[in-house]
Each structure stands twice: as C-alpha cells, then as structure tokens.
C-alpha atoms as a PDB file:
ATOM      1  CA  MET A   1      -0.007   0.002   0.018  1.00  0.00           C
ATOM      2  CA  ASP A   2       2.805   2.427   0.847  1.00  0.00           C
ATOM      3  CA  GLY A   3       4.382   1.894  -2.576  1.00  0.00           C
ATOM      4  CA  GLN A   4       1.123   2.775  -4.305  1.00  0.00           C
ATOM      5  CA  VAL A   5       0.863   5.998  -2.296  1.00  0.00           C
ATOM      6  CA  ILE A   6       4.440   6.993  -3.195  1.00  0.00           C
ATOM      7  CA  VAL A   7       3.876   6.244  -6.883  1.00  0.00           C
ATOM      8  CA  GLY A   8       0.633   8.188  -6.848  1.00  0.00           C
ATOM      9  CA  ALA A   9       2.350  11.177  -5.202  1.00  0.00           C
ATOM     10  CA  VAL A  10       5.188  11.149  -7.748  1.00  0.00           C
ATOM     11  CA  VAL A  11       2.701  10.996 -10.655  1.00  0.00           C
ATOM     12  CA  ALA A  12       0.697  13.858  -9.168  1.00  0.00           C
ATOM     13  CA  VAL A  13       3.747  16.080  -8.648  1.00  0.00           C
ATOM     14  CA  GLY A  14       4.999  15.281 -12.143  1.00  0.00           C
ATOM     15  CA  GLY A  15       1.601  16.195 -13.576  1.00  0.00           C
ATOM     16  CA  VAL A  16       1.613  19.525 -11.775  1.00  0.00           C
ATOM     17  CA  LEU A  17       5.109  20.343 -12.983  1.00  0.00           C
ATOM     18  CA  LEU A  18       4.242  19.483 -16.589  1.00  0.00           C
ATOM     19  CA  ALA A  19       1.021  21.509 -16.471  1.00  0.00           C
ATOM     20  CA  ARG A  20       2.870  24.472 -15.004  1.00  0.00           C
ATOM     21  CA  HIS A  21       5.479  24.287 -17.769  1.00  0.00           C
ATOM     22  CA  PHE A  22       2.985  24.103 -20.599  1.00  0.00           C
ATOM     23  CA  LEU A  23       0.488  26.591 -19.173  1.00  0.00           C
ATOM     24  CA  PHE A  24       2.858  29.255 -17.958  1.00  0.00           C
ATOM     25  CA  GLY A  25       5.787  28.894 -20.340  1.00  0.00           C
ATOM     26  CA  GLY A  26       9.465  28.683 -19.808  1.00  0.00           C
ATOM     27  CA  ARG A  27      11.868  30.360 -17.440  1.00  0.00           C
ATOM     28  CA  TYR A  28      12.883  33.969 -17.935  1.00  0.00           C
ATOM     29  CA  GLN A  29      13.620  37.025 -15.868  1.00  0.00           C
ATOM     30  CA  THR A  30      12.146  40.488 -16.233  1.00  0.00           C
ATOM     31  CA  VAL A  31      14.650  43.342 -16.071  1.00  0.00           C
ATOM     32  CA  GLY A  32      14.403  47.103 -16.387  1.00  0.00           C
ATOM     33  CA  PRO A  33      16.284  49.187 -18.913  1.00  0.00           C
ATOM     34  CA  VAL A  34      19.303  49.818 -16.651  1.00  0.00           C
ATOM     35  CA  GLU A  35      19.871  46.096 -16.059  1.00  0.00           C
ATOM     36  CA  ALA A  36      19.201  45.284 -19.733  1.00  0.00           C
ATOM     37  CA  LYS A  37      21.829  47.866 -20.780  1.00  0.00           C
ATOM     38  CA  ARG A  38      24.314  46.394 -18.310  1.00  0.00           C
ATOM     39  CA  LEU A  39      23.750  42.918 -19.805  1.00  0.00           C
ATOM     40  CA  LEU A  40      24.237  44.243 -23.317  1.00  0.00           C
ATOM     41  CA  ASP A  41      27.271  46.300 -22.459  1.00  0.00           C
ATOM     42  CA  ALA A  42      28.912  43.269 -20.836  1.00  0.00           C
ATOM     43  CA  GLY A  43      28.917  41.647 -24.260  1.00  0.00           C
ATOM     44  CA  GLY A  44      27.747  38.283 -25.455  1.00  0.00           C
ATOM     45  CA  ALA A  45      24.009  38.873 -25.117  1.00  0.00           C
ATOM     46  CA  LEU A  46      21.742  38.755 -28.155  1.00  0.00           C
ATOM     47  CA  LEU A  47      19.235  41.600 -28.345  1.00  0.00           C
ATOM     48  CA  LEU A  48      15.982  40.430 -29.881  1.00  0.00           C
ATOM     49  CA  ASP A  49      13.246  42.799 -31.076  1.00  0.00           C
ATOM     50  CA  VAL A  50       9.877  41.078 -31.495  1.00  0.00           C
ATOM     51  CA  ARG A  51       7.940  44.080 -32.902  1.00  0.00           C
ATOM     52  CA  THR A  52       6.818  44.398 -36.488  1.00  0.00           C
ATOM     53  CA  ALA A  53       9.138  45.336 -39.342  1.00  0.00           C
ATOM     54  CA  GLY A  54       7.453  48.793 -39.547  1.00  0.00           C
ATOM     55  CA  GLU A  55       8.045  49.467 -35.823  1.00  0.00           C
ATOM     56  CA  PHE A  56      11.629  48.274 -36.161  1.00  0.00           C
ATOM     57  CA  ALA A  57      12.271  50.633 -39.071  1.00  0.00           C
ATOM     58  CA  ALA A  58      10.909  53.563 -37.104  1.00  0.00           C
ATOM     59  CA  GLY A  59      13.429  53.085 -34.291  1.00  0.00           C
ATOM     60  CA  LYS A  60      15.268  50.305 -32.493  1.00  0.00           C
ATOM     61  CA  ILE A  61      17.938  49.612 -29.913  1.00  0.00           C
ATOM     62  CA  LYS A  62      21.263  49.505 -31.728  1.00  0.00           C
ATOM     63  CA  GLY A  63      22.406  45.972 -32.478  1.00  0.00           C
ATOM     64  CA  ALA A  64      18.933  44.388 -32.230  1.00  0.00           C
ATOM     65  CA  LYS A  65      17.951  41.389 -34.360  1.00  0.00           C
ATOM     66  CA  LEU A  66      14.344  41.585 -35.652  1.00  0.00           C
ATOM     67  CA  ILE A  67      12.139  38.507 -35.461  1.00  0.00           C
ATOM     68  CA  PRO A  68       8.495  39.630 -35.154  1.00  0.00           C
ATOM     69  CA  LEU A  69       6.560  37.695 -32.549  1.00  0.00           C
ATOM     70  CA  ALA A  70       4.245  36.272 -35.220  1.00  0.00           C
ATOM     71  CA  GLU A  71       7.279  34.641 -36.890  1.00  0.00           C
ATOM     72  CA  LEU A  72       9.200  33.573 -33.791  1.00  0.00           C
ATOM     73  CA  SER A  73       8.129  29.904 -33.612  1.00  0.00           C
ATOM     74  CA  ARG A  74       9.129  29.220 -37.222  1.00  0.00           C
ATOM     75  CA  ARG A  75      12.410  31.192 -37.000  1.00  0.00           C
ATOM     76  CA  LEU A  76      13.816  29.795 -33.729  1.00  0.00           C
ATOM     77  CA  GLN A  77      16.663  28.186 -35.631  1.00  0.00           C
ATOM     78  CA  GLU A  78      18.028  31.671 -36.342  1.00  0.00           C
ATOM     79  CA  LEU A  79      18.788  32.105 -32.664  1.00  0.00           C
ATOM     80  CA  PRO A  80      21.710  30.507 -30.851  1.00  0.00           C
ATOM     81  CA  ALA A  81      20.817  27.347 -28.949  1.00  0.00           C
ATOM     82  CA  THR A  82      22.618  28.635 -25.857  1.00  0.00           C
ATOM     83  CA  GLY A  83      23.554  31.992 -24.382  1.00  0.00           C
ATOM     84  CA  THR A  84      21.868  35.126 -23.125  1.00  0.00           C
ATOM     85  CA  VAL A  85      18.971  36.769 -24.942  1.00  0.00           C
ATOM     86  CA  VAL A  86      17.409  40.102 -24.053  1.00  0.00           C
ATOM     87  CA  VAL A  87      13.942  40.433 -25.621  1.00  0.00           C
ATOM     88  CA  TYR A  88      12.025  43.643 -26.132  1.00  0.00           C
ATOM     89  CA  CYS A  89       8.999  45.080 -27.908  1.00  0.00           C
ATOM     90  CA  ALA A  90       7.212  48.444 -27.635  1.00  0.00           C
ATOM     91  CA  VAL A  91       5.948  48.217 -24.029  1.00  0.00           C
ATOM     92  CA  GLY A  92       6.724  44.665 -22.836  1.00  0.00           C
ATOM     93  CA  GLY A  93       3.665  42.536 -23.667  1.00  0.00           C
ATOM     94  CA  ARG A  94       4.863  40.825 -26.825  1.00  0.00           C
ATOM     95  CA  SER A  95       8.352  40.371 -25.449  1.00  0.00           C
ATOM     96  CA  ARG A  96       6.904  38.650 -22.343  1.00  0.00           C
ATOM     97  CA  VAL A  97       5.185  36.119 -24.673  1.00  0.00           C
ATOM     98  CA  ALA A  98       8.434  35.678 -26.622  1.00  0.00           C
ATOM     99  CA  ALA A  99      10.415  35.239 -23.402  1.00  0.00           C
ATOM    100  CA  LYS A 100       8.071  32.437 -22.320  1.00  0.00           C
ATOM    101  CA  VAL A 101       8.624  30.684 -25.655  1.00  0.00           C
ATOM    102  CA  LEU A 102      12.398  31.155 -25.572  1.00  0.00           C
ATOM    103  CA  GLY A 103      12.555  30.153 -21.897  1.00  0.00           C
ATOM    104  CA  GLN A 104      11.415  26.657 -22.801  1.00  0.00           C
ATOM    105  CA  ARG A 105      14.677  26.058 -24.615  1.00  0.00           C
ATOM    106  CA  GLU A 106      17.433  24.475 -22.522  1.00  0.00           C
ATOM    107  CA  GLY A 107      20.769  26.276 -22.272  1.00  0.00           C
ATOM    108  CA  SER A 108      19.570  29.873 -22.761  1.00  0.00           C
ATOM    109  CA  THR A 109      19.188  32.632 -20.236  1.00  0.00           C
ATOM    110  CA  ILE A 110      16.292  34.836 -21.243  1.00  0.00           C
ATOM    111  CA  TYR A 111      15.552  38.370 -20.093  1.00  0.00           C
ATOM    112  CA  ASN A 112      12.413  40.369 -20.885  1.00  0.00           C
ATOM    113  CA  LEU A 113      12.848  44.132 -20.977  1.00  0.00           C
ATOM    114  CA  ALA A 114      10.005  45.471 -18.827  1.00  0.00           C
ATOM    115  CA  GLY A 115       8.328  48.457 -20.455  1.00  0.00           C
ATOM    116  CA  GLY A 116      10.052  47.725 -23.770  1.00  0.00           C
ATOM    117  CA  LEU A 117      11.393  50.458 -26.010  1.00  0.00           C
ATOM    118  CA  VAL A 118       9.288  53.078 -24.219  1.00  0.00           C
ATOM    119  CA  ALA A 119      11.025  52.333 -20.904  1.00  0.00           C
ATOM    120  CA  TRP A 120      14.400  52.240 -22.661  1.00  0.00           C
ATOM    121  CA  GLN A 121      13.867  55.727 -24.032  1.00  0.00           C
ATOM    122  CA  LYS A 122      12.469  57.043 -20.691  1.00  0.00           C
ATOM    123  CA  ALA A 123      15.677  55.856 -19.063  1.00  0.00           C
ATOM    124  CA  GLY A 124      17.576  58.144 -21.408  1.00  0.00           C
ATOM    125  CA  PHE A 125      19.129  55.417 -23.569  1.00  0.00           C
ATOM    126  CA  PRO A 126      19.402  56.010 -27.307  1.00  0.00           C
ATOM    127  CA  ILE A 127      17.585  54.389 -30.171  1.00  0.00           C
ATOM    128  CA  SER A 128      18.743  54.221 -33.757  1.00  0.00           C
ATOM    129  CA  ARG A 129      16.705  54.735 -36.862  1.00  0.00           C
END
C-alpha cells in the first residue's frame, strides 16, 4: 500500500510540474532598462526585437535582431541554442510572450525588458533609426 501512495504522489507532482510548464511557459527574468543595458554592455548577449518590421524601421535599440513575434516559432533556428537573450518590444507585452517561448529552450538565459522600447527611451538610452 505504501508503494502505491508513493507512486501516486510522484505521478501527481509530475503532472503539476508538466502543467505548469505548458500553461505558464518557460523560465525567464524580467529586467528594467538599466539592467538590460548592463547585460548588453557586458557583451555576449543577443538583443531580440519582436515588434513588427514597420516598428523596427521607425526606431530600434542599436544591435537588435528583428524577429517579429508572429514569426518567432518558425524562426527559432536563427537564434543561438545557448547563451543570453534580451527580448524587447514596444511596451513589454509581446516580449513577455516571446520570453516564455524562448525560456522553454534548454541552455539559454532569457531576459524580458520590462516596459520595452518606451522604458528604454524614458531611461535616457538612445535608439537608432
């Protein structure tokens, strides 16, 4: 009887962990513009813009790679399998979704820029056109 209880508990915990993973997405951290800039200035981080091509053309953070959120799932192979990725959009909503998707990949450290490009500019950091 004790063995059945233990097996049942293990199955229940495993089910909860799987549901959490699929319902809430992968692991990522949310950072503000100052921390995002520090990560980028340290080198080695990929800066990913998930806005539309039109938004990107109007202004972006220098060095950003554009993959619109609508294209992200089919263009994942364009991103390195491991490493640090800082994701941003206009105000943080789309990048949060992208961070959840990217956070499901093993070997990457994902950061979502809270407040997006708007917060970046409010912090006094430049954008390029």
